[in-house]
Every structure is written in structure tokens, then in C-alpha cells.
Amino acid sequence: MNEQTEQPHVYTLRLTVGTHSARHARRIVHRLCDSWSVPPDTADDLALGVTELLSNVVRHVPGAHAELRLLHDAQTGHVRAEVTDDGPQLPQTHVQLPDPCAEHGRGLAIVSAVAAKWGVERRAAGPEGKTVWFECRPVEDS
């Protein structure tokens, strides 16, 4: 018997992030998730997390160049988002909620809230930089 496995879906976009990038990224994430049959709640979480990571690039990375990569495992339904940039500074992986009156500082707390897991990896080769990634999983039916 020849069993076929579904190939993962992969999407990559290199961009210079600006003030309107979050809106465009949300639209891209939702369209891809729809075509990949990702549940709407998972797509919403993914879009929110991607928006927060791209906002961090705008605030903290000179030149605001980034690469967005989305990977979907059709068998498990898990979706992974990766945002790679040239910024040398690594974010803190211990997330604390910011002062409620603070204008910034919620991005990674939001990512942590919507993700099943997340992390940061320093770029292994080439110029300085890092990849911040997170994974979303569909809610299991009871």
C-alpha cells in the first residue's frame, strides 16, 4: 500500500516594514490560512502574532528589513510563523506584562498569549540578526 503524505505549505516574504505593513501582513496571513484550511481562530492568533513581531521590527531594527516565513503542517494543523531581521539585539524571552499605562512593550506578551510555544534564535551564519518564531495549533475538538 502506498500511503501519500501531505507536503507542508510554506510562504516567504522579504519586506521593508513600515506603518502599513501590519494591515497587509494580516490580510496575507488570513488569505493563506483560508487556502490552507486553517481554522479561523488559529488564523486570527497567527495574524495577531505576526503583526506584533513586524511592529517590533519597525521599532527596534535600523532599516526595518525583515523576512516573514509561514509554515503549515497540513497533517497536524500546526502553523509556524518566523520573522527574521538584521537587528543584533535579542529580545528577552522572559515576558513580563508591561505597565498598563505604557505605550509599548506588549508585543512579546501578546505572542506568548496566542502561541503554543515561541522562541528566538540568533542567525547562525552571515550578518548579525535573529529569528523570532512562534507556533499556533488549532483547538482540539472535545
N, C-alpha and C. Protein backbone atom coordinates (compact mmCIF):
# COMPACT_ATOMS: atom_id res chain seq x y z
N MET A 1 0.84 -1.17 0.00
CA MET A 1 0.00 0.00 0.00
C MET A 1 0.89 1.24 0.00
N ASN A 2 0.61 2.17 -0.85
CA ASN A 2 1.39 3.40 -0.97
C ASN A 2 0.63 4.54 -0.31
N GLU A 3 1.09 4.94 0.87
CA GLU A 3 0.43 5.99 1.61
C GLU A 3 1.04 7.34 1.25
N GLN A 4 0.19 8.30 0.87
CA GLN A 4 0.66 9.62 0.50
C GLN A 4 0.59 10.55 1.71
N THR A 5 1.64 11.32 1.92
CA THR A 5 1.60 12.32 2.98
C THR A 5 1.51 13.69 2.34
N GLU A 6 0.80 14.57 3.01
CA GLU A 6 0.66 15.92 2.50
C GLU A 6 1.94 16.71 2.78
N GLN A 7 2.37 17.47 1.80
CA GLN A 7 3.55 18.31 1.95
C GLN A 7 3.18 19.55 2.76
N PRO A 8 4.11 20.05 3.56
CA PRO A 8 3.82 21.28 4.30
C PRO A 8 3.70 22.45 3.34
N HIS A 9 2.89 23.41 3.73
CA HIS A 9 2.77 24.66 2.97
C HIS A 9 3.80 25.64 3.51
N VAL A 10 4.46 26.37 2.63
CA VAL A 10 5.47 27.34 3.02
C VAL A 10 5.25 28.62 2.24
N TYR A 11 5.33 29.75 2.94
CA TYR A 11 5.21 31.06 2.30
C TYR A 11 6.33 31.93 2.86
N THR A 12 7.05 32.64 1.99
CA THR A 12 8.13 33.53 2.41
C THR A 12 7.97 34.88 1.73
N LEU A 13 8.15 35.94 2.52
CA LEU A 13 8.05 37.30 2.01
C LEU A 13 9.17 38.13 2.62
N ARG A 14 9.98 38.75 1.78
CA ARG A 14 11.01 39.69 2.25
C ARG A 14 10.44 41.09 2.07
N LEU A 15 10.58 41.92 3.10
CA LEU A 15 9.98 43.24 3.02
C LEU A 15 10.72 44.24 3.90
N THR A 16 10.50 45.51 3.60
CA THR A 16 10.90 46.59 4.47
C THR A 16 9.63 46.99 5.18
N VAL A 17 9.64 46.85 6.49
CA VAL A 17 8.42 47.03 7.28
C VAL A 17 8.19 48.50 7.54
N GLY A 18 6.93 48.91 7.37
CA GLY A 18 6.54 50.29 7.64
C GLY A 18 5.22 50.34 8.39
N THR A 19 4.65 51.52 8.45
CA THR A 19 3.44 51.71 9.25
C THR A 19 2.24 50.94 8.72
N HIS A 20 2.18 50.66 7.44
CA HIS A 20 1.03 49.95 6.88
C HIS A 20 1.28 48.45 6.73
N SER A 21 2.45 47.99 7.10
CA SER A 21 2.80 46.58 6.90
C SER A 21 1.93 45.63 7.70
N ALA A 22 1.54 46.02 8.90
CA ALA A 22 0.74 45.14 9.75
C ALA A 22 -0.59 44.80 9.08
N ARG A 23 -1.24 45.81 8.52
CA ARG A 23 -2.52 45.58 7.84
C ARG A 23 -2.35 44.63 6.66
N HIS A 24 -1.32 44.85 5.87
CA HIS A 24 -1.07 43.98 4.70
C HIS A 24 -0.71 42.57 5.15
N ALA A 25 0.11 42.46 6.19
CA ALA A 25 0.50 41.14 6.69
C ALA A 25 -0.71 40.37 7.21
N ARG A 26 -1.60 41.04 7.92
CA ARG A 26 -2.83 40.36 8.40
C ARG A 26 -3.64 39.83 7.23
N ARG A 27 -3.77 40.63 6.19
CA ARG A 27 -4.52 40.19 5.01
C ARG A 27 -3.87 38.97 4.36
N ILE A 28 -2.55 39.00 4.23
CA ILE A 28 -1.82 37.86 3.65
C ILE A 28 -2.01 36.62 4.51
N VAL A 29 -1.83 36.76 5.82
CA VAL A 29 -1.97 35.62 6.73
C VAL A 29 -3.37 35.02 6.62
N HIS A 30 -4.38 35.85 6.63
CA HIS A 30 -5.75 35.33 6.56
C HIS A 30 -6.04 34.64 5.23
N ARG A 31 -5.55 35.19 4.15
CA ARG A 31 -5.78 34.55 2.84
C ARG A 31 -5.05 33.21 2.74
N LEU A 32 -3.81 33.17 3.21
CA LEU A 32 -3.07 31.90 3.19
C LEU A 32 -3.75 30.87 4.08
N CYS A 33 -4.12 31.28 5.28
CA CYS A 33 -4.77 30.34 6.20
C CYS A 33 -6.08 29.82 5.62
N ASP A 34 -6.81 30.67 4.94
CA ASP A 34 -8.04 30.23 4.30
C ASP A 34 -7.74 29.18 3.23
N SER A 35 -6.71 29.43 2.42
CA SER A 35 -6.37 28.48 1.36
C SER A 35 -5.78 27.19 1.92
N TRP A 36 -5.20 27.26 3.14
CA TRP A 36 -4.62 26.08 3.78
C TRP A 36 -5.61 25.37 4.71
N SER A 37 -6.85 25.87 4.77
CA SER A 37 -7.91 25.32 5.64
C SER A 37 -7.54 25.37 7.12
N VAL A 38 -6.86 26.44 7.51
CA VAL A 38 -6.55 26.68 8.92
C VAL A 38 -7.81 27.26 9.56
N PRO A 39 -8.21 26.76 10.73
CA PRO A 39 -9.41 27.29 11.39
C PRO A 39 -9.30 28.80 11.63
N PRO A 40 -10.42 29.52 11.55
CA PRO A 40 -10.39 30.98 11.70
C PRO A 40 -9.77 31.46 13.02
N ASP A 41 -10.03 30.79 14.13
CA ASP A 41 -9.45 31.23 15.41
C ASP A 41 -7.92 31.12 15.39
N THR A 42 -7.42 30.07 14.79
CA THR A 42 -5.97 29.88 14.67
C THR A 42 -5.38 30.94 13.74
N ALA A 43 -6.09 31.23 12.65
CA ALA A 43 -5.64 32.26 11.71
C ALA A 43 -5.60 33.62 12.39
N ASP A 44 -6.59 33.92 13.22
CA ASP A 44 -6.61 35.20 13.95
C ASP A 44 -5.40 35.30 14.89
N ASP A 45 -5.12 34.22 15.62
CA ASP A 45 -3.96 34.22 16.52
C ASP A 45 -2.66 34.40 15.75
N LEU A 46 -2.55 33.71 14.62
CA LEU A 46 -1.35 33.81 13.79
C LEU A 46 -1.18 35.24 13.28
N ALA A 47 -2.25 35.83 12.78
CA ALA A 47 -2.19 37.20 12.25
C ALA A 47 -1.80 38.19 13.34
N LEU A 48 -2.35 38.03 14.53
CA LEU A 48 -2.02 38.93 15.63
C LEU A 48 -0.55 38.80 16.01
N GLY A 49 -0.06 37.58 16.12
CA GLY A 49 1.34 37.38 16.46
C GLY A 49 2.29 37.94 15.41
N VAL A 50 1.98 37.72 14.14
CA VAL A 50 2.80 38.25 13.05
C VAL A 50 2.82 39.78 13.11
N THR A 51 1.67 40.38 13.33
CA THR A 51 1.57 41.84 13.44
C THR A 51 2.48 42.37 14.55
N GLU A 52 2.47 41.71 15.68
CA GLU A 52 3.30 42.16 16.80
C GLU A 52 4.79 42.03 16.48
N LEU A 53 5.17 40.93 15.86
CA LEU A 53 6.59 40.76 15.53
C LEU A 53 7.06 41.78 14.50
N LEU A 54 6.23 42.06 13.50
CA LEU A 54 6.60 43.05 12.50
C LEU A 54 6.66 44.46 13.11
N SER A 55 5.77 44.74 14.06
CA SER A 55 5.81 46.03 14.75
C SER A 55 7.12 46.19 15.51
N ASN A 56 7.61 45.09 16.09
CA ASN A 56 8.88 45.15 16.80
C ASN A 56 10.03 45.46 15.84
N VAL A 57 9.96 44.95 14.62
CA VAL A 57 10.99 45.26 13.63
C VAL A 57 10.99 46.76 13.33
N VAL A 58 9.80 47.33 13.15
CA VAL A 58 9.70 48.77 12.87
C VAL A 58 10.34 49.57 14.00
N ARG A 59 10.09 49.18 15.23
CA ARG A 59 10.57 49.93 16.40
C ARG A 59 12.05 49.72 16.71
N HIS A 60 12.57 48.52 16.45
CA HIS A 60 13.88 48.18 17.00
C HIS A 60 14.98 47.85 15.99
N VAL A 61 14.65 47.75 14.71
CA VAL A 61 15.66 47.32 13.73
C VAL A 61 15.94 48.45 12.74
N PRO A 62 17.17 48.98 12.75
CA PRO A 62 17.52 50.01 11.77
C PRO A 62 17.30 49.49 10.34
N GLY A 63 16.64 50.27 9.53
CA GLY A 63 16.36 49.87 8.16
C GLY A 63 15.07 49.08 8.03
N ALA A 64 14.63 48.46 9.10
CA ALA A 64 13.35 47.74 9.17
C ALA A 64 13.19 46.67 8.09
N HIS A 65 14.30 46.01 7.74
CA HIS A 65 14.22 44.91 6.77
C HIS A 65 13.90 43.61 7.52
N ALA A 66 13.01 42.82 6.94
CA ALA A 66 12.62 41.57 7.60
C ALA A 66 12.22 40.54 6.56
N GLU A 67 12.19 39.31 7.02
CA GLU A 67 11.66 38.22 6.22
C GLU A 67 10.59 37.53 7.05
N LEU A 68 9.42 37.40 6.48
CA LEU A 68 8.32 36.69 7.12
C LEU A 68 8.20 35.33 6.44
N ARG A 69 8.15 34.30 7.27
CA ARG A 69 8.01 32.94 6.75
C ARG A 69 6.90 32.25 7.52
N LEU A 70 5.96 31.66 6.80
CA LEU A 70 4.86 30.93 7.39
C LEU A 70 4.93 29.49 6.93
N LEU A 71 4.79 28.57 7.86
CA LEU A 71 4.83 27.14 7.54
C LEU A 71 3.61 26.48 8.14
N HIS A 72 2.93 25.68 7.34
CA HIS A 72 1.73 24.98 7.80
C HIS A 72 1.90 23.49 7.59
N ASP A 73 1.75 22.73 8.66
CA ASP A 73 1.79 21.28 8.59
C ASP A 73 0.35 20.81 8.40
N ALA A 74 0.01 20.39 7.20
CA ALA A 74 -1.37 20.01 6.88
C ALA A 74 -1.83 18.80 7.67
N GLN A 75 -0.91 17.95 8.08
CA GLN A 75 -1.30 16.75 8.84
C GLN A 75 -1.71 17.09 10.27
N THR A 76 -0.96 17.96 10.93
CA THR A 76 -1.26 18.29 12.32
C THR A 76 -2.08 19.56 12.47
N GLY A 77 -2.07 20.40 11.44
CA GLY A 77 -2.75 21.69 11.52
C GLY A 77 -1.93 22.78 12.18
N HIS A 78 -0.71 22.46 12.63
CA HIS A 78 0.14 23.45 13.29
C HIS A 78 0.64 24.45 12.26
N VAL A 79 0.72 25.70 12.68
CA VAL A 79 1.24 26.76 11.82
C VAL A 79 2.37 27.46 12.58
N ARG A 80 3.48 27.69 11.89
CA ARG A 80 4.63 28.36 12.49
C ARG A 80 4.88 29.66 11.71
N ALA A 81 5.12 30.72 12.44
CA ALA A 81 5.50 32.00 11.85
C ALA A 81 6.91 32.33 12.30
N GLU A 82 7.71 32.83 11.37
CA GLU A 82 9.08 33.25 11.68
C GLU A 82 9.29 34.64 11.10
N VAL A 83 9.85 35.52 11.91
CA VAL A 83 10.24 36.84 11.42
C VAL A 83 11.73 36.98 11.68
N THR A 84 12.48 37.11 10.60
CA THR A 84 13.93 37.24 10.67
C THR A 84 14.30 38.68 10.33
N ASP A 85 15.23 39.25 11.11
CA ASP A 85 15.67 40.61 10.84
C ASP A 85 17.17 40.73 11.08
N ASP A 86 17.73 41.90 10.78
CA ASP A 86 19.16 42.14 10.92
C ASP A 86 19.53 42.75 12.26
N GLY A 87 18.56 42.96 13.12
CA GLY A 87 18.83 43.59 14.41
C GLY A 87 19.69 42.71 15.29
N PRO A 88 20.75 43.27 15.87
CA PRO A 88 21.65 42.46 16.70
C PRO A 88 21.10 42.17 18.09
N GLN A 89 20.18 42.99 18.57
CA GLN A 89 19.67 42.82 19.93
C GLN A 89 18.62 41.71 19.98
N LEU A 90 18.81 40.78 20.92
CA LEU A 90 17.84 39.71 21.11
C LEU A 90 16.80 40.17 22.13
N PRO A 91 15.53 39.88 21.87
CA PRO A 91 14.52 40.23 22.87
C PRO A 91 14.62 39.32 24.08
N GLN A 92 14.10 39.79 25.19
CA GLN A 92 14.07 38.97 26.39
C GLN A 92 13.05 37.86 26.19
N THR A 93 13.42 36.66 26.55
CA THR A 93 12.49 35.55 26.40
C THR A 93 11.62 35.36 27.63
N HIS A 94 11.95 36.05 28.71
CA HIS A 94 11.09 36.03 29.89
C HIS A 94 10.15 37.22 29.77
N VAL A 95 8.90 36.95 29.45
CA VAL A 95 7.94 38.01 29.16
C VAL A 95 7.23 38.43 30.44
N GLN A 96 7.26 39.73 30.70
CA GLN A 96 6.51 40.30 31.80
C GLN A 96 5.50 41.27 31.22
N LEU A 97 4.34 41.35 31.84
CA LEU A 97 3.35 42.31 31.38
C LEU A 97 3.85 43.72 31.70
N PRO A 98 3.75 44.63 30.73
CA PRO A 98 4.23 45.99 30.95
C PRO A 98 3.27 46.77 31.85
N ASP A 99 3.73 47.92 32.25
CA ASP A 99 2.88 48.86 32.97
C ASP A 99 1.64 49.12 32.11
N PRO A 100 0.46 49.06 32.70
CA PRO A 100 -0.77 49.25 31.91
C PRO A 100 -0.83 50.59 31.19
N CYS A 101 -0.08 51.58 31.67
CA CYS A 101 -0.09 52.90 31.03
C CYS A 101 1.00 53.05 29.97
N ALA A 102 1.86 52.05 29.86
CA ALA A 102 2.97 52.13 28.88
C ALA A 102 2.42 52.05 27.46
N GLU A 103 3.07 52.81 26.56
CA GLU A 103 2.63 52.82 25.16
C GLU A 103 3.18 51.64 24.38
N HIS A 104 4.26 51.02 24.85
CA HIS A 104 4.90 49.92 24.14
C HIS A 104 5.20 48.80 25.12
N GLY A 105 5.67 47.66 24.60
CA GLY A 105 6.14 46.59 25.46
C GLY A 105 5.20 45.41 25.60
N ARG A 106 4.14 45.38 24.82
CA ARG A 106 3.19 44.27 24.92
C ARG A 106 3.37 43.21 23.84
N GLY A 107 4.19 43.48 22.84
CA GLY A 107 4.30 42.61 21.67
C GLY A 107 4.59 41.16 21.99
N LEU A 108 5.66 40.89 22.72
CA LEU A 108 6.01 39.51 23.01
C LEU A 108 5.07 38.88 24.03
N ALA A 109 4.47 39.70 24.89
CA ALA A 109 3.45 39.17 25.81
C ALA A 109 2.24 38.69 25.02
N ILE A 110 1.88 39.42 23.98
CA ILE A 110 0.77 39.00 23.12
C ILE A 110 1.13 37.74 22.36
N VAL A 111 2.34 37.70 21.80
CA VAL A 111 2.79 36.50 21.09
C VAL A 111 2.74 35.30 22.03
N SER A 112 3.24 35.47 23.23
CA SER A 112 3.23 34.39 24.21
C SER A 112 1.81 33.92 24.53
N ALA A 113 0.87 34.85 24.55
CA ALA A 113 -0.52 34.51 24.87
C ALA A 113 -1.21 33.73 23.75
N VAL A 114 -0.88 34.03 22.50
CA VAL A 114 -1.58 33.36 21.38
C VAL A 114 -0.85 32.11 20.89
N ALA A 115 0.41 31.94 21.29
CA ALA A 115 1.22 30.85 20.75
C ALA A 115 1.22 29.63 21.67
N ALA A 116 1.33 28.46 21.05
CA ALA A 116 1.54 27.23 21.81
C ALA A 116 2.96 27.22 22.36
N LYS A 117 3.90 27.77 21.57
CA LYS A 117 5.28 27.96 22.01
C LYS A 117 5.92 28.99 21.10
N TRP A 118 7.00 29.60 21.59
CA TRP A 118 7.71 30.61 20.81
C TRP A 118 9.15 30.68 21.29
N GLY A 119 9.98 31.35 20.49
CA GLY A 119 11.37 31.47 20.86
C GLY A 119 12.13 32.42 19.96
N VAL A 120 13.42 32.54 20.24
CA VAL A 120 14.32 33.42 19.50
C VAL A 120 15.57 32.64 19.18
N GLU A 121 16.05 32.77 17.95
CA GLU A 121 17.29 32.11 17.53
C GLU A 121 18.19 33.15 16.87
N ARG A 122 19.43 33.20 17.32
CA ARG A 122 20.41 34.08 16.67
C ARG A 122 20.72 33.50 15.29
N ARG A 123 20.91 34.35 14.30
CA ARG A 123 21.26 33.91 12.95
C ARG A 123 22.57 33.15 13.01
N ALA A 124 22.59 31.95 12.44
CA ALA A 124 23.75 31.07 12.53
C ALA A 124 24.91 31.54 11.66
N ALA A 125 24.61 32.04 10.48
CA ALA A 125 25.67 32.43 9.56
C ALA A 125 25.29 33.76 8.91
N GLY A 126 26.28 34.40 8.34
CA GLY A 126 26.02 35.65 7.65
C GLY A 126 26.00 36.83 8.60
N PRO A 127 25.25 37.88 8.22
CA PRO A 127 25.23 39.10 9.03
C PRO A 127 24.53 38.87 10.37
N GLU A 128 24.71 39.86 11.25
CA GLU A 128 24.02 39.78 12.54
C GLU A 128 22.52 39.67 12.30
N GLY A 129 21.83 39.17 13.27
CA GLY A 129 20.39 39.11 13.17
C GLY A 129 19.82 37.95 13.96
N LYS A 130 18.54 37.83 13.85
CA LYS A 130 17.83 36.81 14.63
C LYS A 130 16.53 36.44 13.96
N THR A 131 15.97 35.34 14.42
CA THR A 131 14.63 34.92 14.01
C THR A 131 13.80 34.77 15.28
N VAL A 132 12.68 35.46 15.31
CA VAL A 132 11.70 35.27 16.38
C VAL A 132 10.59 34.44 15.76
N TRP A 133 10.22 33.34 16.41
CA TRP A 133 9.24 32.42 15.84
C TRP A 133 8.19 32.07 16.89
N PHE A 134 7.05 31.63 16.39
CA PHE A 134 6.02 31.10 17.28
C PHE A 134 5.17 30.10 16.51
N GLU A 135 4.51 29.23 17.27
CA GLU A 135 3.66 28.21 16.66
C GLU A 135 2.25 28.31 17.24
N CYS A 136 1.28 28.17 16.37
CA CYS A 136 -0.12 28.11 16.77
C CYS A 136 -0.66 26.74 16.39
N ARG A 137 -1.51 26.23 17.23
CA ARG A 137 -2.13 24.93 16.98
C ARG A 137 -3.64 25.10 17.05
N PRO A 138 -4.37 24.42 16.19
CA PRO A 138 -5.83 24.51 16.27
C PRO A 138 -6.33 23.92 17.59
N VAL A 139 -7.41 24.48 18.08
CA VAL A 139 -8.01 23.97 19.32
C VAL A 139 -8.57 22.59 19.04
N GLU A 140 -8.24 21.65 19.92
CA GLU A 140 -8.71 20.27 19.77
C GLU A 140 -10.21 20.19 20.04
N ASP A 141 -10.91 19.45 19.22
CA ASP A 141 -12.33 19.21 19.46
C ASP A 141 -12.47 18.25 20.63
N SER A 142 -13.42 18.53 21.52
CA SER A 142 -13.60 17.62 22.66
C SER A 142 -14.61 16.55 22.37
